Amino acid sequence: AGGVAGASVIAKLAGIKKIISFDMGGTSTDVSLCNGDVRLTTQTIINE
């Protein structure tokens, strides 16, 4: 979530609102779509 927040702020400074954040680290890749603001959901499933 910190990565998505950082990507959204950095992109806005660059004049870009619509982004897909692509966070590829050592273990996993996390992707999120922001339409100007960070999108939220209440339908998350962790380990079933």
ModelCIF file with pLDDT and N, C-alpha, C, O atoms, coordinates in Angstrom:
data_MODEL
#
_entry.id   MODEL 
#
_entity.id                         1 
_entity.type                       polymer 
_entity.pdbx_number_of_molecules   1 
#
_entity_poly.entity_id                      1 
_entity_poly.type                           'polypeptide(L)' 
_entity_poly.nstd_linkage                   no 
_entity_poly.nstd_monomer                   no 
_entity_poly.pdbx_seq_one_letter_code       AGGVAGASVIAKLAGIKKIISFDMGGTSTDVSLCNGDVRLTTQTIINE 
_entity_poly.pdbx_seq_one_letter_code_can   AGGVAGASVIAKLAGIKKIISFDMGGTSTDVSLCNGDVRLTTQTIINE 
_entity_poly.pdbx_strand_id                 A 
#
loop_
_entity_poly_seq.entity_id 
_entity_poly_seq.num 
_entity_poly_seq.mon_id 
_entity_poly_seq.hetero 
1 1  ALA n 
1 2  GLY n 
1 3  GLY n 
1 4  VAL n 
1 5  ALA n 
1 6  GLY n 
1 7  ALA n 
1 8  SER n 
1 9  VAL n 
1 10 ILE n 
1 11 ALA n 
1 12 LYS n 
1 13 LEU n 
1 14 ALA n 
1 15 GLY n 
1 16 ILE n 
1 17 LYS n 
1 18 LYS n 
1 19 ILE n 
1 20 ILE n 
1 21 SER n 
1 22 PHE n 
1 23 ASP n 
1 24 MET n 
1 25 GLY n 
1 26 GLY n 
1 27 THR n 
1 28 SER n 
1 29 THR n 
1 30 ASP n 
1 31 VAL n 
1 32 SER n 
1 33 LEU n 
1 34 CYS n 
1 35 ASN n 
1 36 GLY n 
1 37 ASP n 
1 38 VAL n 
1 39 ARG n 
1 40 LEU n 
1 41 THR n 
1 42 THR n 
1 43 GLN n 
1 44 THR n 
1 45 ILE n 
1 46 ILE n 
1 47 ASN n 
1 48 GLU n 
#
_struct_asym.id          A 
_struct_asym.entity_id   1 
#
loop_
_ma_qa_metric.id 
_ma_qa_metric.mode 
_ma_qa_metric.name 
_ma_qa_metric.software_group_id 
_ma_qa_metric.type 
1 global pLDDT . pLDDT 
2 local  pLDDT . pLDDT 
#
_ma_qa_metric_global.metric_id      1 
_ma_qa_metric_global.metric_value   91.58 
_ma_qa_metric_global.model_id       1 
_ma_qa_metric_global.ordinal_id     1 
#
loop_
_ma_qa_metric_local.label_asym_id 
_ma_qa_metric_local.label_comp_id 
_ma_qa_metric_local.label_seq_id 
_ma_qa_metric_local.metric_id 
_ma_qa_metric_local.metric_value 
_ma_qa_metric_local.model_id 
_ma_qa_metric_local.ordinal_id 
A ALA 1  2 94.00 1 1  
A GLY 2  2 94.00 1 2  
A GLY 3  2 95.00 1 3  
A VAL 4  2 96.00 1 4  
A ALA 5  2 94.00 1 5  
A GLY 6  2 94.00 1 6  
A ALA 7  2 96.00 1 7  
A SER 8  2 95.00 1 8  
A VAL 9  2 93.00 1 9  
A ILE 10 2 95.00 1 10 
A ALA 11 2 95.00 1 11 
A LYS 12 2 94.00 1 12 
A LEU 13 2 92.00 1 13 
A ALA 14 2 93.00 1 14 
A GLY 15 2 93.00 1 15 
A ILE 16 2 95.00 1 16 
A LYS 17 2 93.00 1 17 
A LYS 18 2 96.00 1 18 
A ILE 19 2 97.00 1 19 
A ILE 20 2 97.00 1 20 
A SER 21 2 97.00 1 21 
A PHE 22 2 97.00 1 22 
A ASP 23 2 96.00 1 23 
A MET 24 2 96.00 1 24 
A GLY 25 2 92.00 1 25 
A GLY 26 2 91.00 1 26 
A THR 27 2 90.00 1 27 
A SER 28 2 91.00 1 28 
A THR 29 2 94.00 1 29 
A ASP 30 2 94.00 1 30 
A VAL 31 2 96.00 1 31 
A SER 32 2 96.00 1 32 
A LEU 33 2 95.00 1 33 
A CYS 34 2 94.00 1 34 
A ASN 35 2 89.00 1 35 
A GLY 36 2 83.00 1 36 
A ASP 37 2 86.00 1 37 
A VAL 38 2 90.00 1 38 
A ARG 39 2 90.00 1 39 
A LEU 40 2 89.00 1 40 
A THR 41 2 88.00 1 41 
A THR 42 2 84.00 1 42 
A GLN 43 2 82.00 1 43 
A THR 44 2 86.00 1 44 
A ILE 45 2 84.00 1 45 
A ILE 46 2 80.00 1 46 
A ASN 47 2 75.00 1 47 
A GLU 48 2 80.00 1 48 
#
loop_
_atom_site.group_PDB 
_atom_site.id 
_atom_site.type_symbol 
_atom_site.label_atom_id 
_atom_site.label_alt_id 
_atom_site.label_comp_id 
_atom_site.label_asym_id 
_atom_site.label_entity_id 
_atom_site.label_seq_id 
_atom_site.pdbx_PDB_ins_code 
_atom_site.Cartn_x 
_atom_site.Cartn_y 
_atom_site.Cartn_z 
_atom_site.occupancy 
_atom_site.B_iso_or_equiv 
_atom_site.pdbx_formal_charge 
_atom_site.auth_seq_id 
_atom_site.auth_comp_id 
_atom_site.auth_asym_id 
_atom_site.auth_atom_id 
_atom_site.pdbx_PDB_model_num 
ATOM 1   N N  . ALA A 1 1  ? 0.836   -1.208  0.000   1.00 94.00 ? 1  ALA A N  1 
ATOM 2   C CA . ALA A 1 1  ? 0.000   0.000   0.000   1.00 94.00 ? 1  ALA A CA 1 
ATOM 3   C C  . ALA A 1 1  ? 0.869   1.255   0.000   1.00 94.00 ? 1  ALA A C  1 
ATOM 4   O O  . ALA A 1 1  ? 0.522   2.248   -0.639  1.00 94.00 ? 1  ALA A O  1 
ATOM 5   N N  . GLY A 1 2  ? 1.987   1.218   0.706   1.00 94.00 ? 2  GLY A N  1 
ATOM 6   C CA . GLY A 1 2  ? 2.910   2.351   0.693   1.00 94.00 ? 2  GLY A CA 1 
ATOM 7   C C  . GLY A 1 2  ? 3.456   2.610   -0.697  1.00 94.00 ? 2  GLY A C  1 
ATOM 8   O O  . GLY A 1 2  ? 3.659   3.761   -1.083  1.00 94.00 ? 2  GLY A O  1 
ATOM 9   N N  . GLY A 1 3  ? 3.697   1.547   -1.454  1.00 95.00 ? 3  GLY A N  1 
ATOM 10  C CA . GLY A 1 3  ? 4.170   1.705   -2.824  1.00 95.00 ? 3  GLY A CA 1 
ATOM 11  C C  . GLY A 1 3  ? 3.147   2.365   -3.720  1.00 95.00 ? 3  GLY A C  1 
ATOM 12  O O  . GLY A 1 3  ? 3.491   3.238   -4.516  1.00 95.00 ? 3  GLY A O  1 
ATOM 13  N N  . VAL A 1 4  ? 1.881   1.956   -3.599  1.00 96.00 ? 4  VAL A N  1 
ATOM 14  C CA . VAL A 1 4  ? 0.822   2.557   -4.410  1.00 96.00 ? 4  VAL A CA 1 
ATOM 15  C C  . VAL A 1 4  ? 0.663   4.037   -4.058  1.00 96.00 ? 4  VAL A C  1 
ATOM 16  O O  . VAL A 1 4  ? 0.506   4.881   -4.941  1.00 96.00 ? 4  VAL A O  1 
ATOM 17  N N  . ALA A 1 5  ? 0.706   4.342   -2.751  1.00 94.00 ? 5  ALA A N  1 
ATOM 18  C CA . ALA A 1 5  ? 0.596   5.743   -2.326  1.00 94.00 ? 5  ALA A CA 1 
ATOM 19  C C  . ALA A 1 5  ? 1.745   6.570   -2.886  1.00 94.00 ? 5  ALA A C  1 
ATOM 20  O O  . ALA A 1 5  ? 1.532   7.682   -3.369  1.00 94.00 ? 5  ALA A O  1 
ATOM 21  N N  . GLY A 1 6  ? 2.957   6.035   -2.825  1.00 94.00 ? 6  GLY A N  1 
ATOM 22  C CA . GLY A 1 6  ? 4.113   6.759   -3.359  1.00 94.00 ? 6  GLY A CA 1 
ATOM 23  C C  . GLY A 1 6  ? 4.028   6.951   -4.857  1.00 94.00 ? 6  GLY A C  1 
ATOM 24  O O  . GLY A 1 6  ? 4.345   8.027   -5.365  1.00 94.00 ? 6  GLY A O  1 
ATOM 25  N N  . ALA A 1 7  ? 3.600   5.914   -5.576  1.00 96.00 ? 7  ALA A N  1 
ATOM 26  C CA . ALA A 1 7  ? 3.474   6.012   -7.033  1.00 96.00 ? 7  ALA A CA 1 
ATOM 27  C C  . ALA A 1 7  ? 2.455   7.070   -7.428  1.00 96.00 ? 7  ALA A C  1 
ATOM 28  O O  . ALA A 1 7  ? 2.667   7.817   -8.383  1.00 96.00 ? 7  ALA A O  1 
ATOM 29  N N  . SER A 1 8  ? 1.340   7.135   -6.686  1.00 95.00 ? 8  SER A N  1 
ATOM 30  C CA . SER A 1 8  ? 0.294   8.112   -6.990  1.00 95.00 ? 8  SER A CA 1 
ATOM 31  C C  . SER A 1 8  ? 0.798   9.541   -6.801  1.00 95.00 ? 8  SER A C  1 
ATOM 32  O O  . SER A 1 8  ? 0.537   10.408  -7.635  1.00 95.00 ? 8  SER A O  1 
ATOM 33  N N  . VAL A 1 9  ? 1.521   9.788   -5.701  1.00 93.00 ? 9  VAL A N  1 
ATOM 34  C CA . VAL A 1 9  ? 2.029   11.135  -5.419  1.00 93.00 ? 9  VAL A CA 1 
ATOM 35  C C  . VAL A 1 9  ? 3.078   11.546  -6.456  1.00 93.00 ? 9  VAL A C  1 
ATOM 36  O O  . VAL A 1 9  ? 3.029   12.656  -6.985  1.00 93.00 ? 9  VAL A O  1 
ATOM 37  N N  . ILE A 1 10 ? 4.019   10.656  -6.741  1.00 95.00 ? 10 ILE A N  1 
ATOM 38  C CA . ILE A 1 10 ? 5.084   10.967  -7.701  1.00 95.00 ? 10 ILE A CA 1 
ATOM 39  C C  . ILE A 1 10 ? 4.496   11.251  -9.079  1.00 95.00 ? 10 ILE A C  1 
ATOM 40  O O  . ILE A 1 10 ? 4.926   12.180  -9.762  1.00 95.00 ? 10 ILE A O  1 
ATOM 41  N N  . ALA A 1 11 ? 3.504   10.444  -9.491  1.00 95.00 ? 11 ALA A N  1 
ATOM 42  C CA . ALA A 1 11 ? 2.896   10.626  -10.809 1.00 95.00 ? 11 ALA A CA 1 
ATOM 43  C C  . ALA A 1 11 ? 2.166   11.967  -10.896 1.00 95.00 ? 11 ALA A C  1 
ATOM 44  O O  . ALA A 1 11 ? 2.240   12.644  -11.921 1.00 95.00 ? 11 ALA A O  1 
ATOM 45  N N  . LYS A 1 12 ? 1.462   12.354  -9.830  1.00 94.00 ? 12 LYS A N  1 
ATOM 46  C CA . LYS A 1 12 ? 0.755   13.642  -9.837  1.00 94.00 ? 12 LYS A CA 1 
ATOM 47  C C  . LYS A 1 12 ? 1.734   14.806  -9.966  1.00 94.00 ? 12 LYS A C  1 
ATOM 48  O O  . LYS A 1 12 ? 1.449   15.782  -10.659 1.00 94.00 ? 12 LYS A O  1 
ATOM 49  N N  . LEU A 1 13 ? 2.882   14.707  -9.303  1.00 92.00 ? 13 LEU A N  1 
ATOM 50  C CA . LEU A 1 13 ? 3.898   15.758  -9.440  1.00 92.00 ? 13 LEU A CA 1 
ATOM 51  C C  . LEU A 1 13 ? 4.354   15.882  -10.894 1.00 92.00 ? 13 LEU A C  1 
ATOM 52  O O  . LEU A 1 13 ? 4.693   16.969  -11.363 1.00 92.00 ? 13 LEU A O  1 
ATOM 53  N N  . ALA A 1 14 ? 4.357   14.743  -11.599 1.00 93.00 ? 14 ALA A N  1 
ATOM 54  C CA . ALA A 1 14 ? 4.772   14.737  -13.005 1.00 93.00 ? 14 ALA A CA 1 
ATOM 55  C C  . ALA A 1 14 ? 3.622   15.080  -13.946 1.00 93.00 ? 14 ALA A C  1 
ATOM 56  O O  . ALA A 1 14 ? 3.778   15.043  -15.166 1.00 93.00 ? 14 ALA A O  1 
ATOM 57  N N  . GLY A 1 15 ? 2.453   15.417  -13.367 1.00 93.00 ? 15 GLY A N  1 
ATOM 58  C CA . GLY A 1 15 ? 1.297   15.795  -14.180 1.00 93.00 ? 15 GLY A CA 1 
ATOM 59  C C  . GLY A 1 15 ? 0.527   14.616  -14.741 1.00 93.00 ? 15 GLY A C  1 
ATOM 60  O O  . GLY A 1 15 ? -0.187  14.758  -15.734 1.00 93.00 ? 15 GLY A O  1 
ATOM 61  N N  . ILE A 1 16 ? 0.663   13.448  -14.117 1.00 95.00 ? 16 ILE A N  1 
ATOM 62  C CA . ILE A 1 16 ? -0.007  12.238  -14.597 1.00 95.00 ? 16 ILE A CA 1 
ATOM 63  C C  . ILE A 1 16 ? -0.978  11.754  -13.527 1.00 95.00 ? 16 ILE A C  1 
ATOM 64  O O  . ILE A 1 16 ? -0.579  11.546  -12.381 1.00 95.00 ? 16 ILE A O  1 
ATOM 65  N N  . LYS A 1 17 ? -2.248  11.573  -13.884 1.00 93.00 ? 17 LYS A N  1 
ATOM 66  C CA . LYS A 1 17 ? -3.260  11.140  -12.917 1.00 93.00 ? 17 LYS A CA 1 
ATOM 67  C C  . LYS A 1 17 ? -3.621  9.667   -13.059 1.00 93.00 ? 17 LYS A C  1 
ATOM 68  O O  . LYS A 1 17 ? -3.788  8.967   -12.060 1.00 93.00 ? 17 LYS A O  1 
ATOM 69  N N  . LYS A 1 18 ? -3.741  9.199   -14.288 1.00 96.00 ? 18 LYS A N  1 
ATOM 70  C CA . LYS A 1 18 ? -4.145  7.811   -14.515 1.00 96.00 ? 18 LYS A CA 1 
ATOM 71  C C  . LYS A 1 18 ? -2.913  6.920   -14.581 1.00 96.00 ? 18 LYS A C  1 
ATOM 72  O O  . LYS A 1 18 ? -2.126  7.003   -15.524 1.00 96.00 ? 18 LYS A O  1 
ATOM 73  N N  . ILE A 1 19 ? -2.750  6.069   -13.577 1.00 97.00 ? 19 ILE A N  1 
ATOM 74  C CA . ILE A 1 19 ? -1.557  5.224   -13.542 1.00 97.00 ? 19 ILE A CA 1 
ATOM 75  C C  . ILE A 1 19 ? -1.910  3.783   -13.198 1.00 97.00 ? 19 ILE A C  1 
ATOM 76  O O  . ILE A 1 19 ? -2.940  3.500   -12.586 1.00 97.00 ? 19 ILE A O  1 
ATOM 77  N N  . ILE A 1 20 ? -1.025  2.885   -13.607 1.00 97.00 ? 20 ILE A N  1 
ATOM 78  C CA . ILE A 1 20 ? -1.015  1.516   -13.106 1.00 97.00 ? 20 ILE A CA 1 
ATOM 79  C C  . ILE A 1 20 ? 0.311   1.348   -12.379 1.00 97.00 ? 20 ILE A C  1 
ATOM 80  O O  . ILE A 1 20 ? 1.375   1.413   -12.995 1.00 97.00 ? 20 ILE A O  1 
ATOM 81  N N  . SER A 1 21 ? 0.247   1.131   -11.065 1.00 97.00 ? 21 SER A N  1 
ATOM 82  C CA . SER A 1 21 ? 1.485   0.968   -10.298 1.00 97.00 ? 21 SER A CA 1 
ATOM 83  C C  . SER A 1 21 ? 1.956   -0.474  -10.431 1.00 97.00 ? 21 SER A C  1 
ATOM 84  O O  . SER A 1 21 ? 1.174   -1.416  -10.306 1.00 97.00 ? 21 SER A O  1 
ATOM 85  N N  . PHE A 1 22 ? 3.248   -0.623  -10.687 1.00 97.00 ? 22 PHE A N  1 
ATOM 86  C CA . PHE A 1 22 ? 3.859   -1.929  -10.943 1.00 97.00 ? 22 PHE A CA 1 
ATOM 87  C C  . PHE A 1 22 ? 5.049   -2.068  -10.006 1.00 97.00 ? 22 PHE A C  1 
ATOM 88  O O  . PHE A 1 22 ? 6.117   -1.504  -10.248 1.00 97.00 ? 22 PHE A O  1 
ATOM 89  N N  . ASP A 1 23 ? 4.850   -2.829  -8.928  1.00 96.00 ? 23 ASP A N  1 
ATOM 90  C CA . ASP A 1 23 ? 5.832   -2.952  -7.855  1.00 96.00 ? 23 ASP A CA 1 
ATOM 91  C C  . ASP A 1 23 ? 6.388   -4.373  -7.873  1.00 96.00 ? 23 ASP A C  1 
ATOM 92  O O  . ASP A 1 23 ? 5.757   -5.299  -7.364  1.00 96.00 ? 23 ASP A O  1 
ATOM 93  N N  . MET A 1 24 ? 7.567   -4.540  -8.459  1.00 96.00 ? 24 MET A N  1 
ATOM 94  C CA . MET A 1 24 ? 8.187   -5.860  -8.559  1.00 96.00 ? 24 MET A CA 1 
ATOM 95  C C  . MET A 1 24 ? 9.400   -5.920  -7.648  1.00 96.00 ? 24 MET A C  1 
ATOM 96  O O  . MET A 1 24 ? 10.421  -5.281  -7.906  1.00 96.00 ? 24 MET A O  1 
ATOM 97  N N  . GLY A 1 25 ? 9.277   -6.689  -6.585  1.00 92.00 ? 25 GLY A N  1 
ATOM 98  C CA . GLY A 1 25 ? 10.372  -6.823  -5.649  1.00 92.00 ? 25 GLY A CA 1 
ATOM 99  C C  . GLY A 1 25 ? 11.058  -8.165  -5.788  1.00 92.00 ? 25 GLY A C  1 
ATOM 100 O O  . GLY A 1 25 ? 11.176  -8.696  -6.892  1.00 92.00 ? 25 GLY A O  1 
ATOM 101 N N  . GLY A 1 26 ? 11.515  -8.721  -4.666  1.00 91.00 ? 26 GLY A N  1 
ATOM 102 C CA . GLY A 1 26 ? 12.226  -9.977  -4.702  1.00 91.00 ? 26 GLY A CA 1 
ATOM 103 C C  . GLY A 1 26 ? 11.319  -11.193 -4.690  1.00 91.00 ? 26 GLY A C  1 
ATOM 104 O O  . GLY A 1 26 ? 11.632  -12.212 -5.305  1.00 91.00 ? 26 GLY A O  1 
ATOM 105 N N  . THR A 1 27 ? 10.186  -11.088 -3.987  1.00 90.00 ? 27 THR A N  1 
ATOM 106 C CA . THR A 1 27 ? 9.310   -12.243 -3.811  1.00 90.00 ? 27 THR A CA 1 
ATOM 107 C C  . THR A 1 27 ? 8.069   -12.177 -4.679  1.00 90.00 ? 27 THR A C  1 
ATOM 108 O O  . THR A 1 27 ? 7.627   -13.203 -5.195  1.00 90.00 ? 27 THR A O  1 
ATOM 109 N N  . SER A 1 28 ? 7.498   -11.000 -4.851  1.00 91.00 ? 28 SER A N  1 
ATOM 110 C CA . SER A 1 28 ? 6.220   -10.891 -5.548  1.00 91.00 ? 28 SER A CA 1 
ATOM 111 C C  . SER A 1 28 ? 6.140   -9.610  -6.359  1.00 91.00 ? 28 SER A C  1 
ATOM 112 O O  . SER A 1 28 ? 7.006   -8.739  -6.282  1.00 91.00 ? 28 SER A O  1 
ATOM 113 N N  . THR A 1 29 ? 5.078   -9.526  -7.131  1.00 94.00 ? 29 THR A N  1 
ATOM 114 C CA . THR A 1 29 ? 4.747   -8.312  -7.879  1.00 94.00 ? 29 THR A CA 1 
ATOM 115 C C  . THR A 1 29 ? 3.359   -7.865  -7.463  1.00 94.00 ? 29 THR A C  1 
ATOM 116 O O  . THR A 1 29 ? 2.423   -8.665  -7.449  1.00 94.00 ? 29 THR A O  1 
ATOM 117 N N  . ASP A 1 30 ? 3.218   -6.582  -7.122  1.00 94.00 ? 30 ASP A N  1 
ATOM 118 C CA . ASP A 1 30 ? 1.932   -6.013  -6.720  1.00 94.00 ? 30 ASP A CA 1 
ATOM 119 C C  . ASP A 1 30 ? 1.545   -4.938  -7.729  1.00 94.00 ? 30 ASP A C  1 
ATOM 120 O O  . ASP A 1 30 ? 2.344   -4.051  -8.031  1.00 94.00 ? 30 ASP A O  1 
ATOM 121 N N  . VAL A 1 31 ? 0.325   -5.011  -8.250  1.00 96.00 ? 31 VAL A N  1 
ATOM 122 C CA . VAL A 1 31 ? -0.140  -4.032  -9.228  1.00 96.00 ? 31 VAL A CA 1 
ATOM 123 C C  . VAL A 1 31 ? -1.448  -3.419  -8.760  1.00 96.00 ? 31 VAL A C  1 
ATOM 124 O O  . VAL A 1 31 ? -2.267  -4.081  -8.121  1.00 96.00 ? 31 VAL A O  1 
ATOM 125 N N  . SER A 1 32 ? -1.635  -2.146  -9.085  1.00 96.00 ? 32 SER A N  1 
ATOM 126 C CA . SER A 1 32 ? -2.845  -1.437  -8.694  1.00 96.00 ? 32 SER A CA 1 
ATOM 127 C C  . SER A 1 32 ? -3.149  -0.361  -9.726  1.00 96.00 ? 32 SER A C  1 
ATOM 128 O O  . SER A 1 32 ? -2.238  0.167   -10.363 1.00 96.00 ? 32 SER A O  1 
ATOM 129 N N  . LEU A 1 33 ? -4.412  -0.038  -9.889  1.00 95.00 ? 33 LEU A N  1 
ATOM 130 C CA . LEU A 1 33 ? -4.834  1.000   -10.829 1.00 95.00 ? 33 LEU A CA 1 
ATOM 131 C C  . LEU A 1 33 ? -5.349  2.201   -10.049 1.00 95.00 ? 33 LEU A C  1 
ATOM 132 O O  . LEU A 1 33 ? -6.183  2.058   -9.154  1.00 95.00 ? 33 LEU A O  1 
ATOM 133 N N  . CYS A 1 34 ? -4.846  3.389   -10.392 1.00 94.00 ? 34 CYS A N  1 
ATOM 134 C CA . CYS A 1 34 ? -5.266  4.630   -9.741  1.00 94.00 ? 34 CYS A CA 1 
ATOM 135 C C  . CYS A 1 34 ? -5.843  5.570   -10.795 1.00 94.00 ? 34 CYS A C  1 
ATOM 136 O O  . CYS A 1 34 ? -5.196  5.875   -11.797 1.00 94.00 ? 34 CYS A O  1 
ATOM 137 N N  . ASN A 1 35 ? -7.049  6.013   -10.554 1.00 89.00 ? 35 ASN A N  1 
ATOM 138 C CA . ASN A 1 35 ? -7.714  6.921   -11.480 1.00 89.00 ? 35 ASN A CA 1 
ATOM 139 C C  . ASN A 1 35 ? -7.703  8.326   -10.902 1.00 89.00 ? 35 ASN A C  1 
ATOM 140 O O  . ASN A 1 35 ? -8.758  8.942   -10.749 1.00 89.00 ? 35 ASN A O  1 
ATOM 141 N N  . GLY A 1 36 ? -6.537  8.831   -10.584 1.00 83.00 ? 36 GLY A N  1 
ATOM 142 C CA . GLY A 1 36 ? -6.430  10.118  -9.899  1.00 83.00 ? 36 GLY A CA 1 
ATOM 143 C C  . GLY A 1 36 ? -6.195  9.936   -8.420  1.00 83.00 ? 36 GLY A C  1 
ATOM 144 O O  . GLY A 1 36 ? -5.388  10.650  -7.824  1.00 83.00 ? 36 GLY A O  1 
ATOM 145 N N  . ASP A 1 37 ? -6.898  8.978   -7.814  1.00 86.00 ? 37 ASP A N  1 
ATOM 146 C CA . ASP A 1 37 ? -6.724  8.665   -6.394  1.00 86.00 ? 37 ASP A CA 1 
ATOM 147 C C  . ASP A 1 37 ? -6.556  7.167   -6.232  1.00 86.00 ? 37 ASP A C  1 
ATOM 148 O O  . ASP A 1 37 ? -6.911  6.387   -7.115  1.00 86.00 ? 37 ASP A O  1 
ATOM 149 N N  . VAL A 1 38 ? -6.009  6.776   -5.087  1.00 90.00 ? 38 VAL A N  1 
ATOM 150 C CA . VAL A 1 38 ? -5.829  5.361   -4.785  1.00 90.00 ? 38 VAL A CA 1 
ATOM 151 C C  . VAL A 1 38 ? -7.197  4.707   -4.615  1.00 90.00 ? 38 VAL A C  1 
ATOM 152 O O  . VAL A 1 38 ? -8.042  5.214   -3.877  1.00 90.00 ? 38 VAL A O  1 
ATOM 153 N N  . ARG A 1 39 ? -7.419  3.578   -5.299  1.00 90.00 ? 39 ARG A N  1 
ATOM 154 C CA . ARG A 1 39 ? -8.706  2.883   -5.237  1.00 90.00 ? 39 ARG A CA 1 
ATOM 155 C C  . ARG A 1 39 ? -8.703  1.890   -4.071  1.00 90.00 ? 39 ARG A C  1 
ATOM 156 O O  . ARG A 1 39 ? -7.693  1.246   -3.789  1.00 90.00 ? 39 ARG A O  1 
ATOM 157 N N  . LEU A 1 40 ? -9.855  1.778   -3.400  1.00 89.00 ? 40 LEU A N  1 
ATOM 158 C CA . LEU A 1 40 ? -10.002 0.880   -2.255  1.00 89.00 ? 40 LEU A CA 1 
ATOM 159 C C  . LEU A 1 40 ? -10.995 -0.237  -2.570  1.00 89.00 ? 40 LEU A C  1 
ATOM 160 O O  . LEU A 1 40 ? -11.837 -0.109  -3.459  1.00 89.00 ? 40 LEU A O  1 
ATOM 161 N N  . THR A 1 41 ? -10.879 -1.318  -1.834  1.00 88.00 ? 41 THR A N  1 
ATOM 162 C CA . THR A 1 41 ? -11.832 -2.418  -1.956  1.00 88.00 ? 41 THR A CA 1 
ATOM 163 C C  . THR A 1 41 ? -12.043 -3.027  -0.576  1.00 88.00 ? 41 THR A C  1 
ATOM 164 O O  . THR A 1 41 ? -11.193 -2.898  0.304   1.00 88.00 ? 41 THR A O  1 
ATOM 165 N N  . THR A 1 42 ? -13.174 -3.688  -0.395  1.00 84.00 ? 42 THR A N  1 
ATOM 166 C CA . THR A 1 42 ? -13.433 -4.442  0.843   1.00 84.00 ? 42 THR A CA 1 
ATOM 167 C C  . THR A 1 42 ? -13.612 -5.920  0.518   1.00 84.00 ? 42 THR A C  1 
ATOM 168 O O  . THR A 1 42 ? -14.190 -6.670  1.306   1.00 84.00 ? 42 THR A O  1 
ATOM 169 N N  . GLN A 1 43 ? -13.112 -6.338  -0.649  1.00 82.00 ? 43 GLN A N  1 
ATOM 170 C CA . GLN A 1 43 ? -13.277 -7.722  -1.097  1.00 82.00 ? 43 GLN A CA 1 
ATOM 171 C C  . GLN A 1 43 ? -11.947 -8.471  -1.166  1.00 82.00 ? 43 GLN A C  1 
ATOM 172 O O  . GLN A 1 43 ? -11.771 -9.344  -2.016  1.00 82.00 ? 43 GLN A O  1 
ATOM 173 N N  . THR A 1 44 ? -11.013 -8.135  -0.282  1.00 86.00 ? 44 THR A N  1 
ATOM 174 C CA . THR A 1 44 ? -9.697  -8.764  -0.303  1.00 86.00 ? 44 THR A CA 1 
ATOM 175 C C  . THR A 1 44 ? -9.714  -10.128 0.390   1.00 86.00 ? 44 THR A C  1 
ATOM 176 O O  . THR A 1 44 ? -10.368 -10.307 1.417   1.00 86.00 ? 44 THR A O  1 
ATOM 177 N N  . ILE A 1 45 ? -8.981  -11.086 -0.190  1.00 84.00 ? 45 ILE A N  1 
ATOM 178 C CA . ILE A 1 45 ? -8.844  -12.408 0.416   1.00 84.00 ? 45 ILE A CA 1 
ATOM 179 C C  . ILE A 1 45 ? -7.354  -12.688 0.608   1.00 84.00 ? 45 ILE A C  1 
ATOM 180 O O  . ILE A 1 45 ? -6.578  -12.623 -0.346  1.00 84.00 ? 45 ILE A O  1 
ATOM 181 N N  . ILE A 1 46 ? -6.957  -13.000 1.841   1.00 80.00 ? 46 ILE A N  1 
ATOM 182 C CA . ILE A 1 46 ? -5.576  -13.332 2.174   1.00 80.00 ? 46 ILE A CA 1 
ATOM 183 C C  . ILE A 1 46 ? -5.552  -14.756 2.721   1.00 80.00 ? 46 ILE A C  1 
ATOM 184 O O  . ILE A 1 46 ? -6.186  -15.050 3.735   1.00 80.00 ? 46 ILE A O  1 
ATOM 185 N N  . ASN A 1 47 ? -4.809  -15.647 2.037   1.00 75.00 ? 47 ASN A N  1 
ATOM 186 C CA . ASN A 1 47 ? -4.709  -17.035 2.485   1.00 75.00 ? 47 ASN A CA 1 
ATOM 187 C C  . ASN A 1 47 ? -6.090  -17.651 2.717   1.00 75.00 ? 47 ASN A C  1 
ATOM 188 O O  . ASN A 1 47 ? -6.324  -18.338 3.711   1.00 75.00 ? 47 ASN A O  1 
ATOM 189 N N  . GLU A 1 48 ? -7.012  -17.380 1.754   1.00 80.00 ? 48 GLU A N  1 
ATOM 190 C CA . GLU A 1 48 ? -8.375  -17.910 1.756   1.00 80.00 ? 48 GLU A CA 1 
ATOM 191 C C  . GLU A 1 48 ? -9.247  -17.334 2.872   1.00 80.00 ? 48 GLU A C  1 
ATOM 192 O O  . GLU A 1 48 ? -10.418 -17.696 2.989   1.00 80.00 ? 48 GLU A O  1 
#
